[in-house]
Amino acid sequence: MENEVLNIATQDVTAAHFSFMSLFWQADWVVKTVIVILLVCSVVCWAIIVQKYVSFARLRFSAYTFENRFWSGESIPDLVKEIDEQPRNSLETILIRCFDEWQRSKSEVERGGGERVLGRIASLARSAIDQESQNNARYLSLLASFGSACPFIGLFGTVWGIMNSFSAIAISKQTSLAVVAPGIAEALFATALGLIAAIPATLAYNKFLGDIERKNQSDEQFATEVLAIFSRQLGNTRI
């Protein structure tokens, strides 16, 4: 009979105190603030993840399409004219900057200054790659911050909640499940939210960082190939 009463009491405590909303509303203002902060961090984190995923997918498709056209034999002036000063990816930006510098420096090439022109073209290509890398890395620092800070924010909420639980035990002078469990659950709920926000942020940060590194390597290879094309034209300004 006593076991049945205990089971019923336990079920009542579970139903009344252990839903997400109940854990939030019965927490004190410090734990509530921690929970709200972690929820906001999680929403921002997923917004960045979705935006970056879509952005990288578009860039990869655009770059793949352009590179196939570039090596299909279409002339560089025709490609540049079609781009019309609105590059859709870093490869188009590299080609436009290199071609524009080559066109402006034709007279210098004819006077024997081809090496200087090639040096400027290489610098422009490097600048385009760096600028594209910075654009792609935008908001990644937020993901890194969420990945490192959210577990500690959740841990703070956990410690605060456990302190309140011990205070409730001392005041009531009871150690029954009904007194101890809700406060411990509130405390652990904050840690769980911290991990929920931090784990996707850390995984996404590492993935996008790898994507940026691979894209930079691809851009550098393309810039080297473009520079080689211009270097073969030192004796002829026509491409």
Protein backbone atom coordinates (compact mmCIF):
# COMPACT_ATOMS: atom_id res chain seq x y z
CA MET A 1 0.00 0.00 0.00
CA GLU A 2 2.79 2.41 0.85
CA ASN A 3 4.53 1.64 -2.44
CA GLU A 4 1.34 2.40 -4.36
CA VAL A 5 0.99 5.75 -2.60
CA LEU A 6 4.63 6.55 -3.36
CA ASN A 7 4.21 5.65 -7.04
CA ILE A 8 1.09 7.83 -7.31
CA ALA A 9 2.90 10.72 -5.64
CA THR A 10 5.86 10.27 -7.95
CA GLN A 11 3.63 10.29 -11.03
CA ASP A 12 1.87 13.43 -9.79
CA VAL A 13 5.22 15.16 -9.26
CA THR A 14 6.38 14.11 -12.72
CA ALA A 15 3.23 15.31 -14.43
CA ALA A 16 3.10 18.58 -12.55
CA HIS A 17 6.72 19.62 -12.51
CA PHE A 18 8.72 18.05 -15.34
CA SER A 19 7.28 19.45 -18.56
CA PHE A 20 9.41 22.06 -20.32
CA MET A 21 6.99 24.87 -19.63
CA SER A 22 6.58 23.87 -15.99
CA LEU A 23 10.33 23.76 -15.51
CA PHE A 24 10.57 27.25 -16.95
CA TRP A 25 7.73 28.88 -15.02
CA GLN A 26 8.65 27.41 -11.65
CA ALA A 27 12.29 28.51 -11.97
CA ASP A 28 13.46 31.74 -10.36
CA TRP A 29 14.31 34.82 -12.43
CA VAL A 30 18.03 33.97 -12.75
CA VAL A 31 17.38 30.53 -14.23
CA LYS A 32 14.62 31.96 -16.43
CA THR A 33 17.05 34.55 -17.76
CA VAL A 34 19.61 31.82 -18.50
CA ILE A 35 16.98 29.74 -20.32
CA VAL A 36 15.83 32.71 -22.43
CA ILE A 37 19.43 33.57 -23.34
CA LEU A 38 20.13 29.98 -24.39
CA LEU A 39 16.93 29.78 -26.44
CA VAL A 40 17.83 33.02 -28.25
CA CYS A 41 21.36 31.71 -28.89
CA SER A 42 19.93 28.48 -30.29
CA VAL A 43 17.57 30.33 -32.65
CA VAL A 44 20.35 32.64 -33.88
CA CYS A 45 22.67 29.66 -34.27
CA TRP A 46 20.24 27.76 -36.48
CA ALA A 47 19.49 30.89 -38.53
CA ILE A 48 23.21 31.27 -39.26
CA ILE A 49 23.57 27.57 -40.06
CA VAL A 50 20.70 27.60 -42.57
CA GLN A 51 21.86 30.85 -44.18
CA LYS A 52 25.45 29.62 -44.53
CA TYR A 53 24.41 26.23 -45.87
CA VAL A 54 22.23 27.79 -48.58
CA SER A 55 24.90 30.39 -49.40
CA PHE A 56 27.70 27.84 -49.77
CA ALA A 57 25.50 25.58 -51.89
CA ARG A 58 24.75 28.45 -54.29
CA LEU A 59 28.40 29.48 -54.48
CA ARG A 60 29.55 25.92 -55.21
CA PHE A 61 27.00 25.50 -57.99
CA SER A 62 27.77 28.91 -59.50
CA ALA A 63 31.53 28.35 -59.39
CA TYR A 64 31.21 24.86 -60.88
CA THR A 65 29.08 26.17 -63.76
CA PHE A 66 31.45 29.08 -64.47
CA GLU A 67 34.59 26.95 -64.33
CA ASN A 68 33.14 24.52 -66.86
CA ARG A 69 32.43 27.42 -69.19
CA PHE A 70 35.88 28.87 -68.63
CA TRP A 71 37.59 25.66 -69.74
CA SER A 72 35.15 25.02 -72.57
CA GLY A 73 37.17 27.28 -74.86
CA GLU A 74 35.06 30.44 -74.62
CA SER A 75 37.26 33.55 -74.85
CA ILE A 76 38.03 35.55 -71.73
CA PRO A 77 36.69 38.86 -73.16
CA ASP A 78 33.36 37.19 -73.95
CA LEU A 79 33.17 35.73 -70.43
CA VAL A 80 34.01 39.07 -68.85
CA LYS A 81 31.45 40.87 -71.01
CA GLU A 82 28.74 38.39 -70.02
CA ILE A 83 29.55 38.75 -66.32
CA ASP A 84 28.87 42.49 -66.80
CA GLU A 85 30.65 43.66 -63.64
CA GLN A 86 28.30 41.63 -61.43
CA PRO A 87 30.28 38.56 -60.41
CA ARG A 88 28.28 35.81 -58.75
CA ASN A 89 31.22 33.98 -57.26
CA SER A 90 34.90 34.41 -56.42
CA LEU A 91 36.12 32.88 -59.71
CA GLU A 92 34.30 35.51 -61.74
CA THR A 93 35.66 38.24 -59.44
CA ILE A 94 39.21 36.97 -59.93
CA LEU A 95 38.85 36.86 -63.70
CA ILE A 96 37.33 40.35 -63.96
CA ARG A 97 40.01 41.98 -61.81
CA CYS A 98 42.83 40.22 -63.63
CA PHE A 99 41.44 40.99 -67.09
CA ASP A 100 40.76 44.64 -66.27
CA GLU A 101 44.30 45.11 -65.01
CA TRP A 102 45.68 43.40 -68.12
CA GLN A 103 43.62 45.67 -70.39
CA ARG A 104 44.75 48.81 -68.56
CA SER A 105 48.39 47.74 -68.68
CA LYS A 106 48.70 46.79 -72.34
CA SER A 107 50.95 49.74 -73.11
CA GLU A 108 53.21 48.83 -70.18
CA VAL A 109 53.43 45.24 -71.44
CA GLU A 110 54.46 46.49 -74.88
CA ARG A 111 57.24 48.53 -73.24
CA GLY A 112 58.62 45.42 -71.55
CA GLY A 113 56.96 45.78 -68.16
CA GLY A 114 55.10 42.49 -68.34
CA GLU A 115 56.58 41.09 -65.14
CA ARG A 116 55.35 44.08 -63.15
CA VAL A 117 51.89 43.68 -64.68
CA LEU A 118 51.82 40.00 -63.77
CA GLY A 119 52.82 40.92 -60.23
CA ARG A 120 49.90 43.34 -59.94
CA ILE A 121 47.52 40.78 -61.42
CA ALA A 122 48.66 38.21 -58.86
CA SER A 123 48.13 40.74 -56.06
CA LEU A 124 44.63 41.54 -57.30
CA ALA A 125 43.76 37.85 -57.46
CA ARG A 126 45.06 37.36 -53.92
CA SER A 127 43.03 40.34 -52.74
CA ALA A 128 39.86 38.93 -54.34
CA ILE A 129 40.41 35.57 -52.64
CA ASP A 130 40.98 37.20 -49.25
CA GLN A 131 37.88 39.38 -49.61
CA GLU A 132 35.74 36.41 -50.58
CA SER A 133 37.10 34.43 -47.64
CA GLN A 134 36.20 37.24 -45.24
CA ASN A 135 32.68 37.42 -46.66
CA ASN A 136 32.22 33.67 -46.32
CA ALA A 137 33.53 33.70 -42.75
CA ARG A 138 31.03 36.35 -41.67
CA TYR A 139 29.05 35.32 -38.57
CA LEU A 140 31.20 32.22 -38.02
CA SER A 141 32.69 33.91 -34.97
CA LEU A 142 29.19 33.89 -33.48
CA LEU A 143 28.97 30.13 -33.96
CA ALA A 144 32.36 29.72 -32.29
CA SER A 145 31.22 31.93 -29.40
CA PHE A 146 27.99 29.97 -28.97
CA GLY A 147 29.88 26.69 -29.06
CA SER A 148 32.25 27.76 -26.30
CA ALA A 149 30.03 29.96 -24.12
CA CYS A 150 26.61 28.26 -24.10
CA PRO A 151 27.70 25.23 -22.01
CA PHE A 152 29.10 27.58 -19.35
CA ILE A 153 25.94 29.69 -19.40
CA GLY A 154 23.91 26.53 -18.91
CA LEU A 155 26.27 25.40 -16.17
CA PHE A 156 25.75 28.70 -14.38
CA GLY A 157 22.00 28.10 -14.48
CA THR A 158 22.55 24.59 -13.17
CA VAL A 159 24.67 25.73 -10.24
CA TRP A 160 22.17 28.45 -9.37
CA GLY A 161 19.28 26.00 -9.53
CA ILE A 162 21.04 23.48 -7.29
CA MET A 163 21.77 26.23 -4.78
CA ASN A 164 18.06 27.06 -4.70
CA SER A 165 17.22 23.37 -4.27
CA PHE A 166 19.50 23.09 -1.26
CA SER A 167 17.97 26.25 0.17
CA ALA A 168 14.48 24.77 -0.25
CA ILE A 169 15.60 21.57 1.49
CA ALA A 170 17.05 23.56 4.39
CA ILE A 171 13.90 25.68 4.77
CA SER A 172 11.42 22.80 4.52
CA LYS A 173 13.68 20.37 6.39
CA GLN A 174 12.50 17.63 4.04
CA THR A 175 14.39 15.54 1.54
CA SER A 176 11.43 13.92 -0.19
CA LEU A 177 11.18 13.59 -3.94
CA ALA A 178 8.56 16.31 -4.15
CA VAL A 179 10.96 18.82 -2.59
CA VAL A 180 14.24 17.82 -4.25
CA ALA A 181 13.30 16.71 -7.77
CA PRO A 182 11.81 19.92 -9.24
CA GLY A 183 14.79 22.08 -8.32
CA ILE A 184 17.30 19.53 -9.62
CA ALA A 185 15.29 19.19 -12.84
CA GLU A 186 15.32 22.98 -13.33
CA ALA A 187 19.06 23.02 -12.83
CA LEU A 188 19.75 20.21 -15.28
CA PHE A 189 17.33 21.72 -17.80
CA ALA A 190 19.61 24.75 -18.10
CA THR A 191 22.63 22.53 -18.79
CA ALA A 192 20.66 20.58 -21.41
CA LEU A 193 19.71 23.79 -23.21
CA GLY A 194 23.32 24.92 -23.15
CA LEU A 195 24.42 21.70 -24.83
CA ILE A 196 21.55 21.87 -27.33
CA ALA A 197 22.78 25.31 -28.41
CA ALA A 198 26.50 24.53 -28.28
CA ILE A 199 26.72 21.17 -30.09
CA PRO A 200 25.17 22.30 -33.43
CA ALA A 201 27.14 25.56 -33.28
CA THR A 202 30.45 23.72 -32.84
CA LEU A 203 29.74 21.14 -35.55
CA ALA A 204 28.56 23.79 -38.01
CA TYR A 205 31.53 26.03 -37.28
CA ASN A 206 34.01 23.24 -38.03
CA LYS A 207 32.15 22.24 -41.19
CA PHE A 208 31.91 25.77 -42.60
CA LEU A 209 35.54 26.45 -41.71
CA GLY A 210 36.54 23.38 -43.72
CA ASP A 211 34.33 24.52 -46.61
CA ILE A 212 36.02 27.93 -46.63
CA GLU A 213 39.48 26.37 -46.60
CA ARG A 214 38.64 24.07 -49.51
CA LYS A 215 37.09 26.96 -51.44
CA ASN A 216 40.18 29.11 -50.88
CA GLN A 217 42.37 26.32 -52.23
CA SER A 218 40.14 26.02 -55.30
CA ASP A 219 40.23 29.81 -55.82
CA GLU A 220 44.01 29.88 -55.52
CA GLN A 221 44.35 27.11 -58.08
CA PHE A 222 42.06 28.98 -60.48
CA ALA A 223 44.01 32.22 -59.94
CA THR A 224 47.27 30.40 -60.69
CA GLU A 225 45.82 29.04 -63.93
CA VAL A 226 44.53 32.48 -64.96
CA LEU A 227 47.92 34.01 -64.20
CA ALA A 228 49.57 31.36 -66.35
CA ILE A 229 47.28 32.29 -69.25
CA PHE A 230 48.25 35.96 -69.00
CA SER A 231 51.93 35.13 -68.63
CA ARG A 232 51.80 33.39 -72.01
CA GLN A 233 50.45 36.60 -73.53
CA LEU A 234 53.36 38.83 -72.59
CA GLY A 235 54.40 39.06 -76.20
CA ASN A 236 50.87 39.55 -77.45
CA THR A 237 48.25 41.80 -75.84
CA ARG A 238 45.46 40.01 -77.64
CA ILE A 239 43.79 37.18 -75.67
